[in-house]
Amino acid sequence: MKLKSIAASLAVASGLMAGASAATAADEITVAYFLEWPMPFQAAKVSGAYDEALGMKVNWVAFDTGTAMSAAMASGDVHISVSQGVPPFVVATSAGQDLQIVDVAVSYSDNDNCVVRSELEIDKNSAGDLAGKKVAVPLGTAAHFGFLKQMNHFNVPLSSLEVVDMAPAEGAVALAQGAIDMACGWGGALRRMKESGNVLLTGAEKEELGILVFDVTTAPADFVAENSDTVAKFLAVTADANAAWNASQPDFMLSMIAKDAGMSNADAASSLSTFVFPSVDEQLSAKWLDGGAQSFMKGVAQVFVDAGSIPSANASYDGNVETGPLAAVGGM
């Protein structure tokens, strides 16, 4: 897909829908996303590009965790989830929920982590001192996966910790109040956690341990099968917004993104500086959706199985990736 001008990328819809009819019988769809998680698609969201491209109303609903997104898709309340973490996706599909990945939303190894309360003076050289401590972890999420991998790396038995299931925003508050000793999360909540403590490992150090952190756009498999054109047009708008941001990171886009994410421009820019938005061709490569993501999901599932978080893993996650709509974006 050729790079469009910034203006065109935010109003991409008109070209995509020329001479076409809506791909579904529905008059509207509902899309899940996260607040305090700034991404280029939000500039297109604010501009109305998605509604125009799809020829229907797009309702946007904010969630706190990827596990809540899975539940909403299971109930039929949400048709597409933007930037769902891979671990909650794996948990849901391992339990039998028929979901599919349709694109790689963002890679962010430095924007998902665990933070230890400053007063404890615990770092990577003394992580064993975490034994007996109370930890806030949003279970079944990317932060949970990273927590499990880090505790395994530091040889801290899970049985020695008091783990509390807590959304990142709540964990940040509890950490600041001294009610817990370590909290795990992402985005704006992680930034606030860092005001009360320190991380054990940097993003680069986590990647060396195989702790990749990336989110995906997901949808129920039957919705993708029945509405592939609609999904492709949705992904095309996202891809154009990403391309416009990657090209020059214009201030007007930052302002639109920050406002929609409920953040200041400075905080949004800080988060965005740790994000990588792969191009369509990159997403379709072996590193990501042509094998890499499937293998990674198998590894994530095994970590959860070994930790007793899920009973079993799927034999394969190949069927949980559908690249047809994304591949069609190149022809739009």
C-alpha atoms as a PDB file:
ATOM      1  CA  MET A   1       0.000   0.000   0.000  1.00  0.00           C
ATOM      2  CA  LYS A   2       1.443   3.323  -1.056  1.00  0.00           C
ATOM      3  CA  LEU A   3       1.853   6.029   1.562  1.00  0.00           C
ATOM      4  CA  LYS A   4      -0.918   8.586   1.289  1.00  0.00           C
ATOM      5  CA  SER A   5      -0.721  12.185   2.396  1.00  0.00           C
ATOM      6  CA  ILE A   6      -1.611  12.867   6.015  1.00  0.00           C
ATOM      7  CA  ALA A   7      -4.833  14.571   5.046  1.00  0.00           C
ATOM      8  CA  ALA A   8      -5.831  11.677   2.821  1.00  0.00           C
ATOM      9  CA  SER A   9      -4.966   9.151   5.494  1.00  0.00           C
ATOM     10  CA  LEU A  10      -7.419  10.744   7.900  1.00  0.00           C
ATOM     11  CA  ALA A  11     -10.145  11.028   5.295  1.00  0.00           C
ATOM     12  CA  VAL A  12      -9.236   7.806   3.464  1.00  0.00           C
ATOM     13  CA  ALA A  13     -12.796   6.667   3.458  1.00  0.00           C
ATOM     14  CA  SER A  14     -14.106   8.322   0.330  1.00  0.00           C
ATOM     15  CA  GLY A  15     -11.764   6.460  -1.976  1.00  0.00           C
ATOM     16  CA  LEU A  16     -12.335   3.153  -0.269  1.00  0.00           C
ATOM     17  CA  MET A  17     -16.103   3.272  -0.514  1.00  0.00           C
ATOM     18  CA  ALA A  18     -16.454   4.640  -4.040  1.00  0.00           C
ATOM     19  CA  GLY A  19     -19.011   2.571  -5.881  1.00  0.00           C
ATOM     20  CA  ALA A  20     -19.215   0.076  -3.042  1.00  0.00           C
ATOM     21  CA  SER A  21     -21.990  -0.902  -0.687  1.00  0.00           C
ATOM     22  CA  ALA A  22     -21.672  -1.758   2.981  1.00  0.00           C
ATOM     23  CA  ALA A  23     -20.239  -5.229   3.445  1.00  0.00           C
ATOM     24  CA  THR A  24     -22.680  -6.177   6.161  1.00  0.00           C
ATOM     25  CA  ALA A  25     -26.382  -5.924   6.622  1.00  0.00           C
ATOM     26  CA  ALA A  26     -25.786  -4.153   9.901  1.00  0.00           C
ATOM     27  CA  ASP A  27     -26.180  -0.395  10.151  1.00  0.00           C
ATOM     28  CA  GLU A  28     -23.418  -0.112  12.742  1.00  0.00           C
ATOM     29  CA  ILE A  29     -20.655  -2.005  14.516  1.00  0.00           C
ATOM     30  CA  THR A  30     -19.067  -1.668  17.936  1.00  0.00           C
ATOM     31  CA  VAL A  31     -15.317  -1.475  18.399  1.00  0.00           C
ATOM     32  CA  ALA A  32     -13.406  -1.857  21.675  1.00  0.00           C
ATOM     33  CA  TYR A  33     -10.303   0.159  22.552  1.00  0.00           C
ATOM     34  CA  PHE A  34      -8.308   1.385  25.573  1.00  0.00           C
ATOM     35  CA  LEU A  35      -8.216   4.845  27.115  1.00  0.00           C
ATOM     36  CA  GLU A  36      -4.750   6.168  28.034  1.00  0.00           C
ATOM     37  CA  TRP A  37      -3.378   4.036  25.201  1.00  0.00           C
ATOM     38  CA  PRO A  38      -2.617   6.565  22.442  1.00  0.00           C
ATOM     39  CA  MET A  39      -2.455   5.222  18.901  1.00  0.00           C
ATOM     40  CA  PRO A  40      -2.690   6.747  15.399  1.00  0.00           C
ATOM     41  CA  PHE A  41      -6.043   5.079  14.691  1.00  0.00           C
ATOM     42  CA  GLN A  42      -7.589   7.526  17.164  1.00  0.00           C
ATOM     43  CA  ALA A  43      -6.940  10.438  14.828  1.00  0.00           C
ATOM     44  CA  ALA A  44      -8.925   8.575  12.174  1.00  0.00           C
ATOM     45  CA  LYS A  45     -11.568   7.732  14.794  1.00  0.00           C
ATOM     46  CA  VAL A  46     -11.998  11.417  15.674  1.00  0.00           C
ATOM     47  CA  SER A  47     -12.072  12.485  12.024  1.00  0.00           C
ATOM     48  CA  GLY A  48     -14.893  10.060  11.212  1.00  0.00           C
ATOM     49  CA  ALA A  49     -12.789   8.193   8.649  1.00  0.00           C
ATOM     50  CA  TYR A  50     -13.928   4.777   9.872  1.00  0.00           C
ATOM     51  CA  ASP A  51     -17.629   5.627   9.579  1.00  0.00           C
ATOM     52  CA  GLU A  52     -17.092   6.974   6.079  1.00  0.00           C
ATOM     53  CA  ALA A  53     -14.973   4.040   4.917  1.00  0.00           C
ATOM     54  CA  LEU A  54     -17.329   1.400   6.254  1.00  0.00           C
ATOM     55  CA  GLY A  55     -20.476   3.234   5.247  1.00  0.00           C
ATOM     56  CA  MET A  56     -21.931   2.711   8.703  1.00  0.00           C
ATOM     57  CA  LYS A  57     -21.798   4.068  12.221  1.00  0.00           C
ATOM     58  CA  VAL A  58     -18.868   2.826  14.307  1.00  0.00           C
ATOM     59  CA  ASN A  59     -19.549   2.838  18.050  1.00  0.00           C
ATOM     60  CA  TRP A  60     -16.405   2.981  20.186  1.00  0.00           C
ATOM     61  CA  VAL A  61     -16.384   1.515  23.700  1.00  0.00           C
ATOM     62  CA  ALA A  62     -13.442   1.832  26.123  1.00  0.00           C
ATOM     63  CA  PHE A  63     -12.273  -1.136  28.222  1.00  0.00           C
ATOM     64  CA  ASP A  64      -9.810  -1.589  31.085  1.00  0.00           C
ATOM     65  CA  THR A  65      -8.380  -4.994  30.079  1.00  0.00           C
ATOM     66  CA  GLY A  66      -8.103  -7.362  27.145  1.00  0.00           C
ATOM     67  CA  THR A  67      -9.949 -10.033  29.118  1.00  0.00           C
ATOM     68  CA  ALA A  68     -12.973  -7.726  29.267  1.00  0.00           C
ATOM     69  CA  MET A  69     -12.700  -7.314  25.493  1.00  0.00           C
ATOM     70  CA  SER A  70     -12.845 -11.096  25.055  1.00  0.00           C
ATOM     71  CA  ALA A  71     -15.963 -11.287  27.213  1.00  0.00           C
ATOM     72  CA  ALA A  72     -17.634  -8.511  25.228  1.00  0.00           C
ATOM     73  CA  MET A  73     -16.877 -10.269  21.941  1.00  0.00           C
ATOM     74  CA  ALA A  74     -18.207 -13.543  23.380  1.00  0.00           C
ATOM     75  CA  SER A  75     -21.495 -11.859  24.284  1.00  0.00           C
ATOM     76  CA  GLY A  76     -21.796 -10.205  20.871  1.00  0.00           C
ATOM     77  CA  ASP A  77     -21.569  -6.708  22.332  1.00  0.00           C
ATOM     78  CA  VAL A  78     -18.300  -5.969  20.480  1.00  0.00           C
ATOM     79  CA  HIS A  79     -17.445  -6.843  16.876  1.00  0.00           C
ATOM     80  CA  ILE A  80     -13.781  -5.747  16.715  1.00  0.00           C
ATOM     81  CA  SER A  81     -11.214  -5.111  19.445  1.00  0.00           C
ATOM     82  CA  VAL A  82      -8.302  -2.787  18.697  1.00  0.00           C
ATOM     83  CA  SER A  83      -5.032  -3.388  20.510  1.00  0.00           C
ATOM     84  CA  GLN A  84      -6.045  -6.455  22.510  1.00  0.00           C
ATOM     85  CA  GLY A  85      -3.056  -7.986  24.261  1.00  0.00           C
ATOM     86  CA  VAL A  86      -1.880 -11.361  22.950  1.00  0.00           C
ATOM     87  CA  PRO A  87      -2.045 -13.094  26.374  1.00  0.00           C
ATOM     88  CA  PRO A  88      -5.762 -12.382  26.985  1.00  0.00           C
ATOM     89  CA  PHE A  89      -6.415 -13.448  23.395  1.00  0.00           C
ATOM     90  CA  VAL A  90      -4.536 -16.691  24.048  1.00  0.00           C
ATOM     91  CA  VAL A  91      -6.433 -17.280  27.299  1.00  0.00           C
ATOM     92  CA  ALA A  92      -9.768 -16.843  25.531  1.00  0.00           C
ATOM     93  CA  THR A  93      -8.942 -18.993  22.517  1.00  0.00           C
ATOM     94  CA  SER A  94      -7.388 -21.686  24.706  1.00  0.00           C
ATOM     95  CA  ALA A  95     -10.730 -21.846  26.518  1.00  0.00           C
ATOM     96  CA  GLY A  96     -12.495 -22.427  23.206  1.00  0.00           C
ATOM     97  CA  GLN A  97     -13.576 -18.909  22.200  1.00  0.00           C
ATOM     98  CA  ASP A  98     -13.449 -18.664  18.412  1.00  0.00           C
ATOM     99  CA  LEU A  99     -11.527 -15.431  17.905  1.00  0.00           C
ATOM    100  CA  GLN A 100      -9.078 -14.412  15.190  1.00  0.00           C
ATOM    101  CA  ILE A 101      -6.207 -11.935  14.911  1.00  0.00           C
ATOM    102  CA  VAL A 102      -6.600  -9.697  11.868  1.00  0.00           C
ATOM    103  CA  ASP A 103      -3.610  -7.379  12.309  1.00  0.00           C
ATOM    104  CA  VAL A 104      -0.686  -6.444  14.556  1.00  0.00           C
ATOM    105  CA  ALA A 105      -1.786  -3.248  16.277  1.00  0.00           C
ATOM    106  CA  VAL A 106       1.399  -2.207  18.086  1.00  0.00           C
ATOM    107  CA  SER A 107       4.650  -3.510  19.579  1.00  0.00           C
ATOM    108  CA  TYR A 108       5.661  -1.993  22.924  1.00  0.00           C
ATOM    109  CA  SER A 109       8.151  -3.848  25.098  1.00  0.00           C
ATOM    110  CA  ASP A 110       8.897  -0.663  27.081  1.00  0.00           C
ATOM    111  CA  ASN A 111       5.263   0.161  27.772  1.00  0.00           C
ATOM    112  CA  ASP A 112       4.176  -2.902  29.709  1.00  0.00           C
ATOM    113  CA  ASN A 113       5.996  -3.797  32.899  1.00  0.00           C
ATOM    114  CA  CYS A 114       6.005  -4.431  36.636  1.00  0.00           C
ATOM    115  CA  VAL A 115       7.006  -1.738  39.134  1.00  0.00           C
ATOM    116  CA  VAL A 116       8.346  -2.339  42.662  1.00  0.00           C
ATOM    117  CA  ARG A 117       7.579   0.195  45.405  1.00  0.00           C
ATOM    118  CA  SER A 118      10.576   2.501  45.930  1.00  0.00           C
ATOM    119  CA  GLU A 119      10.746   2.018  49.706  1.00  0.00           C
ATOM    120  CA  LEU A 120      11.589  -1.669  49.240  1.00  0.00           C
ATOM    121  CA  GLU A 121      14.774  -0.828  47.305  1.00  0.00           C
ATOM    122  CA  ILE A 122      14.425  -4.034  45.269  1.00  0.00           C
ATOM    123  CA  ASP A 123      15.951  -4.183  41.789  1.00  0.00           C
ATOM    124  CA  LYS A 124      17.024  -6.932  39.391  1.00  0.00           C
ATOM    125  CA  ASN A 125      19.987  -7.764  41.602  1.00  0.00           C
ATOM    126  CA  SER A 126      17.800  -8.330  44.657  1.00  0.00           C
ATOM    127  CA  ALA A 127      14.569  -9.578  43.078  1.00  0.00           C
ATOM    128  CA  GLY A 128      14.609 -12.612  45.355  1.00  0.00           C
ATOM    129  CA  ASP A 129      13.481 -10.257  48.131  1.00  0.00           C
ATOM    130  CA  LEU A 130      10.048 -10.137  46.488  1.00  0.00           C
ATOM    131  CA  ALA A 131       9.175 -13.416  48.219  1.00  0.00           C
ATOM    132  CA  GLY A 132       6.330 -12.800  50.635  1.00  0.00           C
ATOM    133  CA  LYS A 133       5.292  -9.561  48.935  1.00  0.00           C
ATOM    134  CA  LYS A 134       1.846  -8.501  47.659  1.00  0.00           C
ATOM    135  CA  VAL A 135       1.571  -7.961  43.908  1.00  0.00           C
ATOM    136  CA  ALA A 136      -1.215  -6.436  41.797  1.00  0.00           C
ATOM    137  CA  VAL A 137      -1.506  -8.138  38.405  1.00  0.00           C
ATOM    138  CA  PRO A 138      -4.311  -7.890  35.819  1.00  0.00           C
ATOM    139  CA  LEU A 139      -4.713 -11.644  35.329  1.00  0.00           C
ATOM    140  CA  GLY A 140      -4.801 -13.086  31.818  1.00  0.00           C
ATOM    141  CA  THR A 141      -3.208 -10.023  30.216  1.00  0.00           C
ATOM    142  CA  ALA A 142       0.136  -9.174  28.615  1.00  0.00           C
ATOM    143  CA  ALA A 143       1.233  -7.777  31.974  1.00  0.00           C
ATOM    144  CA  HIS A 144       0.397 -11.128  33.610  1.00  0.00           C
ATOM    145  CA  PHE A 145       2.491 -12.992  31.032  1.00  0.00           C
ATOM    146  CA  GLY A 146       5.421 -10.633  31.560  1.00  0.00           C
ATOM    147  CA  PHE A 147       5.083 -10.993  35.333  1.00  0.00           C
ATOM    148  CA  LEU A 148       5.180 -14.801  35.107  1.00  0.00           C
ATOM    149  CA  LYS A 149       8.231 -14.759  32.833  1.00  0.00           C
ATOM    150  CA  GLN A 150      10.086 -12.290  35.061  1.00  0.00           C
ATOM    151  CA  MET A 151       9.363 -14.239  38.253  1.00  0.00           C
ATOM    152  CA  ASN A 152      10.587 -17.408  36.539  1.00  0.00           C
ATOM    153  CA  HIS A 153      13.738 -15.593  35.433  1.00  0.00           C
ATOM    154  CA  PHE A 154      14.399 -14.366  38.971  1.00  0.00           C
ATOM    155  CA  ASN A 155      13.500 -17.748  40.507  1.00  0.00           C
ATOM    156  CA  VAL A 156      10.793 -16.207  42.669  1.00  0.00           C
ATOM    157  CA  PRO A 157       8.186 -18.931  43.378  1.00  0.00           C
ATOM    158  CA  LEU A 158       4.633 -17.799  42.633  1.00  0.00           C
ATOM    159  CA  SER A 159       3.555 -19.578  45.797  1.00  0.00           C
ATOM    160  CA  SER A 160       5.698 -17.130  47.788  1.00  0.00           C
ATOM    161  CA  LEU A 161       3.711 -14.130  46.516  1.00  0.00           C
ATOM    162  CA  GLU A 162       0.267 -12.799  47.316  1.00  0.00           C
ATOM    163  CA  VAL A 163      -1.087 -12.052  43.848  1.00  0.00           C
ATOM    164  CA  VAL A 164      -4.160  -9.815  43.587  1.00  0.00           C
ATOM    165  CA  ASP A 165      -6.118  -9.471  40.343  1.00  0.00           C
ATOM    166  CA  MET A 166      -6.257  -5.722  39.762  1.00  0.00           C
ATOM    167  CA  ALA A 167      -6.679  -3.526  36.661  1.00  0.00           C
ATOM    168  CA  PRO A 168      -3.595  -1.348  35.971  1.00  0.00           C
ATOM    169  CA  ALA A 169      -5.259   1.927  36.994  1.00  0.00           C
ATOM    170  CA  GLU A 170      -6.276   0.409  40.328  1.00  0.00           C
ATOM    171  CA  GLY A 171      -2.827  -1.114  40.776  1.00  0.00           C
ATOM    172  CA  ALA A 172      -1.193   2.277  40.280  1.00  0.00           C
ATOM    173  CA  VAL A 173      -3.335   3.777  43.049  1.00  0.00           C
ATOM    174  CA  ALA A 174      -2.677   0.860  45.400  1.00  0.00           C
ATOM    175  CA  LEU A 175       1.069   1.112  44.780  1.00  0.00           C
ATOM    176  CA  ALA A 176       1.066   4.849  45.520  1.00  0.00           C
ATOM    177  CA  GLN A 177      -0.845   4.219  48.735  1.00  0.00           C
ATOM    178  CA  GLY A 178       1.595   1.505  49.824  1.00  0.00           C
ATOM    179  CA  ALA A 179      -1.185  -1.088  49.890  1.00  0.00           C
ATOM    180  CA  ILE A 180       0.828  -3.386  47.610  1.00  0.00           C
ATOM    181  CA  ASP A 181       4.521  -3.964  46.985  1.00  0.00           C
ATOM    182  CA  MET A 182       4.559  -4.371  43.214  1.00  0.00           C
ATOM    183  CA  ALA A 183       2.095  -3.591  40.440  1.00  0.00           C
ATOM    184  CA  CYS A 184       2.040  -4.613  36.794  1.00  0.00           C
ATOM    185  CA  GLY A 185       0.375  -2.782  33.934  1.00  0.00           C
ATOM    186  CA  TRP A 186       0.743  -0.587  30.869  1.00  0.00           C
ATOM    187  CA  GLY A 187       0.129   2.844  29.380  1.00  0.00           C
ATOM    188  CA  GLY A 188      -0.838   5.768  31.586  1.00  0.00           C
ATOM    189  CA  ALA A 189      -1.200   3.486  34.599  1.00  0.00           C
ATOM    190  CA  LEU A 190       2.373   2.244  34.155  1.00  0.00           C
ATOM    191  CA  ARG A 191       3.616   5.828  33.954  1.00  0.00           C
ATOM    192  CA  ARG A 192       1.910   6.580  37.267  1.00  0.00           C
ATOM    193  CA  MET A 193       3.309   3.382  38.799  1.00  0.00           C
ATOM    194  CA  LYS A 194       6.815   4.575  37.960  1.00  0.00           C
ATOM    195  CA  GLU A 195       6.209   7.652  40.090  1.00  0.00           C
ATOM    196  CA  SER A 196       6.037   5.269  43.072  1.00  0.00           C
ATOM    197  CA  GLY A 197       8.730   2.756  42.177  1.00  0.00           C
ATOM    198  CA  ASN A 198      11.111   1.176  39.704  1.00  0.00           C
ATOM    199  CA  VAL A 199      11.014  -1.544  37.046  1.00  0.00           C
ATOM    200  CA  LEU A 200      13.043  -4.719  37.454  1.00  0.00           C
ATOM    201  CA  LEU A 201      13.924  -5.102  33.766  1.00  0.00           C
ATOM    202  CA  THR A 202      13.954  -2.708  30.802  1.00  0.00           C
ATOM    203  CA  GLY A 203      12.107  -3.484  27.594  1.00  0.00           C
ATOM    204  CA  ALA A 204      15.340  -4.573  25.888  1.00  0.00           C
ATOM    205  CA  GLU A 205      16.224  -6.837  28.811  1.00  0.00           C
ATOM    206  CA  LYS A 206      12.770  -8.413  28.664  1.00  0.00           C
ATOM    207  CA  GLU A 207      13.076  -9.048  24.924  1.00  0.00           C
ATOM    208  CA  GLU A 208      16.344 -10.896  25.543  1.00  0.00           C
ATOM    209  CA  LEU A 209      14.314 -13.257  27.760  1.00  0.00           C
ATOM    210  CA  GLY A 210      11.740 -13.797  25.018  1.00  0.00           C
ATOM    211  CA  ILE A 211       9.169 -11.475  26.595  1.00  0.00           C
ATOM    212  CA  LEU A 212       7.759  -9.890  23.463  1.00  0.00           C
ATOM    213  CA  VAL A 213       4.948  -7.435  24.056  1.00  0.00           C
ATOM    214  CA  PHE A 214       2.556  -6.649  21.244  1.00  0.00           C
ATOM    215  CA  ASP A 215      -1.159  -6.116  20.762  1.00  0.00           C
ATOM    216  CA  VAL A 216      -3.402  -7.267  17.965  1.00  0.00           C
ATOM    217  CA  THR A 217      -6.706  -6.331  16.395  1.00  0.00           C
ATOM    218  CA  THR A 218      -9.117  -9.195  16.961  1.00  0.00           C
ATOM    219  CA  ALA A 219     -12.659 -10.214  16.115  1.00  0.00           C
ATOM    220  CA  PRO A 220     -14.951 -13.240  16.392  1.00  0.00           C
ATOM    221  CA  ALA A 221     -14.158 -15.684  13.578  1.00  0.00           C
ATOM    222  CA  ASP A 222     -17.734 -15.741  12.287  1.00  0.00           C
ATOM    223  CA  PHE A 223     -17.792 -11.938  12.062  1.00  0.00           C
ATOM    224  CA  VAL A 224     -14.548 -11.951  10.046  1.00  0.00           C
ATOM    225  CA  ALA A 225     -15.838 -14.678   7.713  1.00  0.00           C
ATOM    226  CA  GLU A 226     -19.167 -12.966   7.105  1.00  0.00           C
ATOM    227  CA  ASN A 227     -17.802  -9.400   6.874  1.00  0.00           C
ATOM    228  CA  SER A 228     -14.324  -9.701   5.364  1.00  0.00           C
ATOM    229  CA  ASP A 229     -14.762  -6.586   3.206  1.00  0.00           C
ATOM    230  CA  THR A 230     -15.809  -4.521   6.199  1.00  0.00           C
ATOM    231  CA  VAL A 231     -12.841  -5.804   8.214  1.00  0.00           C
ATOM    232  CA  ALA A 232     -10.478  -5.035   5.329  1.00  0.00           C
ATOM    233  CA  LYS A 233     -11.774  -1.455   5.045  1.00  0.00           C
ATOM    234  CA  PHE A 234     -11.439  -1.011   8.799  1.00  0.00           C
ATOM    235  CA  LEU A 235      -7.839  -2.224   8.666  1.00  0.00           C
ATOM    236  CA  ALA A 236      -7.104   0.041   5.689  1.00  0.00           C
ATOM    237  CA  VAL A 237      -8.085   3.132   7.676  1.00  0.00           C
ATOM    238  CA  THR A 238      -5.892   1.951  10.563  1.00  0.00           C
ATOM    239  CA  ALA A 239      -2.971   1.277   8.224  1.00  0.00           C
ATOM    240  CA  ASP A 240      -3.228   4.721   6.630  1.00  0.00           C
ATOM    241  CA  ALA A 241      -3.308   6.417  10.033  1.00  0.00           C
ATOM    242  CA  ASN A 242      -0.250   4.413  11.101  1.00  0.00           C
ATOM    243  CA  ALA A 243       1.583   5.306   7.889  1.00  0.00           C
ATOM    244  CA  ALA A 244       0.808   9.003   8.352  1.00  0.00           C
ATOM    245  CA  TRP A 245       2.074   8.907  11.935  1.00  0.00           C
ATOM    246  CA  ASN A 246       5.191   6.922  11.055  1.00  0.00           C
ATOM    247  CA  ALA A 247       6.042   9.363   8.277  1.00  0.00           C
ATOM    248  CA  SER A 248       6.216  12.575  10.306  1.00  0.00           C
ATOM    249  CA  GLN A 249       4.376  12.361  13.660  1.00  0.00           C
ATOM    250  CA  PRO A 250       2.505  15.626  12.960  1.00  0.00           C
ATOM    251  CA  ASP A 251       1.440  17.783  15.888  1.00  0.00           C
ATOM    252  CA  PHE A 252      -2.179  17.940  14.763  1.00  0.00           C
ATOM    253  CA  MET A 253      -2.408  14.140  14.877  1.00  0.00           C
ATOM    254  CA  LEU A 254      -0.805  14.093  18.320  1.00  0.00           C
ATOM    255  CA  SER A 255      -3.409  16.553  19.599  1.00  0.00           C
ATOM    256  CA  MET A 256      -6.264  14.473  18.190  1.00  0.00           C
ATOM    257  CA  ILE A 257      -4.828  11.260  19.597  1.00  0.00           C
ATOM    258  CA  ALA A 258      -4.089  12.709  23.033  1.00  0.00           C
ATOM    259  CA  LYS A 259      -7.547  14.228  23.444  1.00  0.00           C
ATOM    260  CA  ASP A 260      -9.265  10.997  22.422  1.00  0.00           C
ATOM    261  CA  ALA A 261      -7.034   8.956  24.745  1.00  0.00           C
ATOM    262  CA  GLY A 262      -7.821  11.250  27.673  1.00  0.00           C
ATOM    263  CA  MET A 263      -4.201  12.359  28.030  1.00  0.00           C
ATOM    264  CA  SER A 264      -2.091  15.494  27.793  1.00  0.00           C
ATOM    265  CA  ASN A 265      -0.083  15.947  24.601  1.00  0.00           C
ATOM    266  CA  ALA A 266       3.144  15.449  26.551  1.00  0.00           C
ATOM    267  CA  ASP A 267       2.007  12.196  28.155  1.00  0.00           C
ATOM    268  CA  ALA A 268       0.642  10.870  24.876  1.00  0.00           C
ATOM    269  CA  ALA A 269       3.904  11.725  23.102  1.00  0.00           C
ATOM    270  CA  SER A 270       5.850   9.953  25.841  1.00  0.00           C
ATOM    271  CA  SER A 271       3.809   6.773  25.400  1.00  0.00           C
ATOM    272  CA  LEU A 272       3.901   6.946  21.612  1.00  0.00           C
ATOM    273  CA  SER A 273       7.694   7.213  21.690  1.00  0.00           C
ATOM    274  CA  THR A 274       7.796   3.637  23.041  1.00  0.00           C
ATOM    275  CA  PHE A 275       5.380   2.255  20.412  1.00  0.00           C
ATOM    276  CA  VAL A 276       6.166   0.647  17.054  1.00  0.00           C
ATOM    277  CA  PHE A 277       3.423   0.399  14.410  1.00  0.00           C
ATOM    278  CA  PRO A 278       4.418  -2.180  11.750  1.00  0.00           C
ATOM    279  CA  SER A 279       3.428  -1.611   8.133  1.00  0.00           C
ATOM    280  CA  VAL A 280       1.007  -3.975   6.391  1.00  0.00           C
ATOM    281  CA  ASP A 281       3.885  -5.743   4.621  1.00  0.00           C
ATOM    282  CA  GLU A 282       5.748  -6.148   7.901  1.00  0.00           C
ATOM    283  CA  GLN A 283       2.663  -7.541   9.587  1.00  0.00           C
ATOM    284  CA  LEU A 284       2.251 -10.128   6.837  1.00  0.00           C
ATOM    285  CA  SER A 285       5.887 -11.260   7.172  1.00  0.00           C
ATOM    286  CA  ALA A 286       7.215 -14.357   8.932  1.00  0.00           C
ATOM    287  CA  LYS A 287       8.146 -12.275  11.974  1.00  0.00           C
ATOM    288  CA  TRP A 288       4.511 -11.527  12.667  1.00  0.00           C
ATOM    289  CA  LEU A 289       1.406 -13.083  11.112  1.00  0.00           C
ATOM    290  CA  ASP A 290       3.077 -15.526   8.727  1.00  0.00           C
ATOM    291  CA  GLY A 291       4.161 -17.835  11.535  1.00  0.00           C
ATOM    292  CA  GLY A 292       5.834 -15.721  14.216  1.00  0.00           C
ATOM    293  CA  ALA A 293       2.687 -14.732  16.098  1.00  0.00           C
ATOM    294  CA  GLN A 294       1.321 -18.260  15.974  1.00  0.00           C
ATOM    295  CA  SER A 295       4.504 -19.705  17.477  1.00  0.00           C
ATOM    296  CA  PHE A 296       4.623 -16.973  20.097  1.00  0.00           C
ATOM    297  CA  MET A 297       1.030 -17.681  21.132  1.00  0.00           C
ATOM    298  CA  LYS A 298       1.890 -21.339  21.644  1.00  0.00           C
ATOM    299  CA  GLY A 299       4.714 -20.276  23.958  1.00  0.00           C
ATOM    300  CA  VAL A 300       2.476 -17.853  25.851  1.00  0.00           C
ATOM    301  CA  ALA A 301      -0.118 -20.564  26.350  1.00  0.00           C
ATOM    302  CA  GLN A 302       2.500 -22.943  27.729  1.00  0.00           C
ATOM    303  CA  VAL A 303       3.662 -20.336  30.251  1.00  0.00           C
ATOM    304  CA  PHE A 304       0.079 -20.001  31.486  1.00  0.00           C
ATOM    305  CA  VAL A 305      -0.354 -23.783  31.607  1.00  0.00           C
ATOM    306  CA  ASP A 306       2.866 -24.202  33.592  1.00  0.00           C
ATOM    307  CA  ALA A 307       1.709 -21.501  36.023  1.00  0.00           C
ATOM    308  CA  GLY A 308      -1.656 -23.178  36.479  1.00  0.00           C
ATOM    309  CA  SER A 309      -3.501 -20.184  35.010  1.00  0.00           C
ATOM    310  CA  ILE A 310      -5.203 -22.189  32.242  1.00  0.00           C
ATOM    311  CA  PRO A 311      -5.803 -25.969  32.094  1.00  0.00           C
ATOM    312  CA  SER A 312      -4.397 -26.585  28.623  1.00  0.00           C
ATOM    313  CA  ALA A 313      -3.089 -25.038  25.427  1.00  0.00           C
ATOM    314  CA  ASN A 314      -4.385 -25.523  21.903  1.00  0.00           C
ATOM    315  CA  ALA A 315      -2.435 -27.897  19.693  1.00  0.00           C
ATOM    316  CA  SER A 316      -1.978 -24.978  17.291  1.00  0.00           C
ATOM    317  CA  TYR A 317      -3.025 -21.336  17.059  1.00  0.00           C
ATOM    318  CA  ASP A 318      -2.802 -21.193  13.255  1.00  0.00           C
ATOM    319  CA  GLY A 319      -6.587 -21.075  12.952  1.00  0.00           C
ATOM    320  CA  ASN A 320      -6.688 -18.056  15.230  1.00  0.00           C
ATOM    321  CA  VAL A 321      -4.995 -15.840  12.631  1.00  0.00           C
ATOM    322  CA  GLU A 322      -6.820 -14.653   9.523  1.00  0.00           C
ATOM    323  CA  THR A 323      -4.707 -12.528   7.176  1.00  0.00           C
ATOM    324  CA  GLY A 324      -7.166 -12.337   4.254  1.00  0.00           C
ATOM    325  CA  PRO A 325      -8.607  -8.886   5.115  1.00  0.00           C
ATOM    326  CA  LEU A 326      -5.172  -7.430   5.857  1.00  0.00           C
ATOM    327  CA  ALA A 327      -3.745  -8.789   2.607  1.00  0.00           C
ATOM    328  CA  ALA A 328      -6.656  -7.132   0.757  1.00  0.00           C
ATOM    329  CA  VAL A 329      -5.632  -3.736   2.165  1.00  0.00           C
ATOM    330  CA  GLY A 330      -2.732  -3.559  -0.307  1.00  0.00           C
ATOM    331  CA  GLY A 331      -5.193  -3.421  -3.201  1.00  0.00           C
ATOM    332  CA  MET A 332      -7.274  -0.579  -1.783  1.00  0.00           C
END
